[in-house]
Amino acid sequence: MAEVESFALDHTAVKAPYVRLIAVEHGPAGGTISNFDVRLVQPNHDSIETGGLHTIEHLLAGLLRTRLEGVIDCSPFGCRTGFHLISWGEPSVEDVTRAVKGALEEIAESVTWEDVPGTTAISCGNYKDHSLHSAKEWSRQILAEGLSTDAFVRREI
């Protein structure tokens, strides 16, 4: 089995919330993609319940694309502590952190239920499992803790 970088990471040493560049991959046709660890809560100490995480996921899908060029996907970790953010090119950790921070600020301060995309049986595979209240509360808590550009040393943006 291939080694997966995320499973080699010492989850007891990181200091969430943070954004960390996991890898930059260069494709055979010349394209470049970057994979980021967007860790919102401290591993093994907390996790975002599925309703709130699901709503944050749906909101980040659009909000990050308006703030950061080249976003391919933002998918939640199974452990419910954050997201993988995949993008074209090589955006800086600082730019990704600013984009995530801006998106979380919008979720915390101004998003309404009508703004949440994909909340019907037609547009979502588990449309009943959403919580805007939880998404807002978690966004506020994460922002209060501050997003770092380093997983091991607090360097807040």
Protein backbone atom coordinates (compact mmCIF):
# COMPACT_ATOMS: atom_id res chain seq x y z
CA MET A 1 0.00 0.00 0.00
CA ALA A 2 1.27 3.48 -0.82
CA GLU A 3 2.22 5.77 2.04
CA VAL A 4 -0.21 8.64 2.61
CA GLU A 5 1.43 11.80 3.97
CA SER A 6 -1.53 12.65 6.21
CA PHE A 7 -1.14 9.37 8.12
CA ALA A 8 2.54 10.10 8.74
CA LEU A 9 1.72 13.50 10.27
CA ASP A 10 2.04 13.62 14.07
CA HIS A 11 -1.50 14.70 14.91
CA THR A 12 -0.49 15.21 18.56
CA ALA A 13 2.09 17.87 17.63
CA VAL A 14 -0.04 20.17 15.46
CA LYS A 15 -1.70 23.32 16.80
CA ALA A 16 -5.05 23.91 15.08
CA PRO A 17 -6.56 25.92 13.54
CA TYR A 18 -4.06 26.21 10.71
CA VAL A 19 -3.47 25.85 6.97
CA ARG A 20 -0.61 23.57 5.88
CA LEU A 21 0.70 22.73 2.43
CA ILE A 22 0.69 18.94 2.16
CA ALA A 23 2.09 18.53 -1.33
CA VAL A 24 2.56 20.01 -4.78
CA GLU A 25 2.12 17.52 -7.60
CA HIS A 26 3.19 17.99 -11.22
CA GLY A 27 1.17 16.04 -13.76
CA PRO A 28 2.58 14.29 -16.83
CA ALA A 29 1.02 16.93 -19.09
CA GLY A 30 2.58 19.76 -17.09
CA GLY A 31 -0.29 20.79 -14.83
CA THR A 32 0.41 21.53 -11.16
CA ILE A 33 -1.94 20.96 -8.24
CA SER A 34 -1.49 21.81 -4.57
CA ASN A 35 -3.04 19.95 -1.65
CA PHE A 36 -3.62 21.83 1.61
CA ASP A 37 -4.56 20.64 5.09
CA VAL A 38 -7.14 23.15 6.35
CA ARG A 39 -7.32 22.02 9.97
CA LEU A 40 -10.08 23.83 11.84
CA VAL A 41 -10.10 22.03 15.19
CA GLN A 42 -7.47 20.25 17.26
CA PRO A 43 -7.17 16.57 16.29
CA ASN A 44 -8.17 14.08 18.99
CA HIS A 45 -9.56 16.87 21.18
CA ASP A 46 -12.56 18.04 19.19
CA SER A 47 -14.48 17.39 16.01
CA ILE A 48 -17.21 19.24 14.15
CA GLU A 49 -20.49 17.30 14.15
CA THR A 50 -21.65 16.28 10.71
CA GLY A 51 -24.47 18.81 10.30
CA GLY A 52 -22.19 21.78 10.91
CA LEU A 53 -19.30 20.31 8.93
CA HIS A 54 -21.62 19.50 6.02
CA THR A 55 -22.93 23.07 5.92
CA ILE A 56 -19.41 24.53 6.17
CA GLU A 57 -18.39 22.23 3.29
CA HIS A 58 -21.23 23.42 1.06
CA LEU A 59 -20.50 27.07 1.86
CA LEU A 60 -16.72 26.76 1.39
CA ALA A 61 -17.33 25.21 -2.04
CA GLY A 62 -18.55 28.58 -3.31
CA LEU A 63 -16.96 31.06 -0.91
CA LEU A 64 -13.41 29.83 -1.50
CA ARG A 65 -13.84 29.96 -5.27
CA THR A 66 -14.66 33.67 -5.02
CA ARG A 67 -11.54 34.30 -2.93
CA LEU A 68 -8.92 31.98 -4.39
CA GLU A 69 -8.23 31.27 -8.04
CA GLY A 70 -7.95 27.65 -9.15
CA VAL A 71 -9.90 25.84 -6.42
CA ILE A 72 -10.62 22.29 -7.55
CA ASP A 73 -12.19 20.83 -4.40
CA CYS A 74 -12.57 21.29 -0.67
CA SER A 75 -13.49 18.00 1.00
CA PRO A 76 -13.93 17.22 4.71
CA PHE A 77 -11.63 14.86 6.56
CA GLY A 78 -13.35 11.75 7.85
CA CYS A 79 -12.15 12.69 11.36
CA ARG A 80 -14.23 15.89 11.05
CA THR A 81 -11.38 18.21 12.07
CA GLY A 82 -11.01 20.07 8.78
CA PHE A 83 -10.70 19.83 5.03
CA HIS A 84 -8.41 18.95 2.14
CA LEU A 85 -8.26 21.92 -0.23
CA ILE A 86 -7.03 21.02 -3.72
CA SER A 87 -6.17 23.78 -6.18
CA TRP A 88 -4.50 24.33 -9.52
CA GLY A 89 -1.09 25.97 -9.37
CA GLU A 90 0.84 26.86 -6.25
CA PRO A 91 -1.03 29.39 -4.14
CA SER A 92 0.83 30.42 -1.00
CA VAL A 93 -0.20 29.17 2.42
CA GLU A 94 -0.80 32.81 3.34
CA ASP A 95 -3.20 33.34 0.43
CA VAL A 96 -5.10 30.14 1.24
CA THR A 97 -5.27 31.09 4.93
CA ARG A 98 -6.64 34.55 4.07
CA ALA A 99 -9.25 32.98 1.77
CA VAL A 100 -10.35 30.50 4.45
CA LYS A 101 -10.46 33.23 7.08
CA GLY A 102 -12.57 35.46 4.84
CA ALA A 103 -14.96 32.60 4.07
CA LEU A 104 -15.34 31.75 7.77
CA GLU A 105 -15.96 35.43 8.57
CA GLU A 106 -18.74 35.50 5.98
CA ILE A 107 -20.25 32.29 7.38
CA ALA A 108 -20.09 33.64 10.94
CA GLU A 109 -21.39 37.13 10.18
CA SER A 110 -23.71 37.26 7.21
CA VAL A 111 -24.65 33.94 5.62
CA THR A 112 -28.33 33.03 5.83
CA TRP A 113 -30.01 29.69 5.20
CA GLU A 114 -30.97 30.92 1.72
CA ASP A 115 -27.24 31.30 0.94
CA VAL A 116 -26.42 27.64 1.65
CA PRO A 117 -26.22 25.74 -1.66
CA GLY A 118 -27.22 22.12 -2.09
CA THR A 119 -29.85 21.69 0.61
CA THR A 120 -32.48 19.73 -1.30
CA ALA A 121 -32.87 16.03 -2.10
CA ILE A 122 -32.07 16.85 -5.73
CA SER A 123 -28.84 18.75 -4.99
CA CYS A 124 -27.39 16.83 -2.03
CA GLY A 125 -26.96 13.20 -1.06
CA ASN A 126 -27.79 13.83 2.61
CA TYR A 127 -29.72 17.09 2.51
CA LYS A 128 -31.33 16.62 5.94
CA ASP A 129 -27.94 16.66 7.70
CA HIS A 130 -27.16 20.40 7.71
CA SER A 131 -26.90 22.96 10.49
CA LEU A 132 -26.28 26.61 9.72
CA HIS A 133 -26.42 27.38 13.45
CA SER A 134 -23.56 24.93 14.08
CA ALA A 135 -21.61 26.20 11.05
CA LYS A 136 -21.84 29.75 12.37
CA GLU A 137 -20.86 28.74 15.92
CA TRP A 138 -17.85 26.73 14.74
CA SER A 139 -16.77 29.53 12.39
CA ARG A 140 -16.88 32.02 15.27
CA GLN A 141 -14.90 29.69 17.53
CA ILE A 142 -12.25 29.01 14.88
CA LEU A 143 -11.88 32.71 14.12
CA ALA A 144 -11.56 33.52 17.83
CA GLU A 145 -8.69 31.01 18.09
CA GLY A 146 -7.04 32.48 14.97
CA LEU A 147 -5.91 30.73 11.79
CA SER A 148 -2.19 30.01 11.63
CA THR A 149 -0.01 29.63 8.55
CA ASP A 150 2.06 27.01 10.37
CA ALA A 151 0.82 23.70 11.76
CA PHE A 152 3.35 23.55 14.61
CA VAL A 153 4.05 27.19 15.56
CA ARG A 154 1.23 29.72 15.90
CA ARG A 155 1.59 32.32 13.11
CA GLU A 156 -1.83 33.86 12.88
CA ILE A 157 -3.15 35.83 9.95
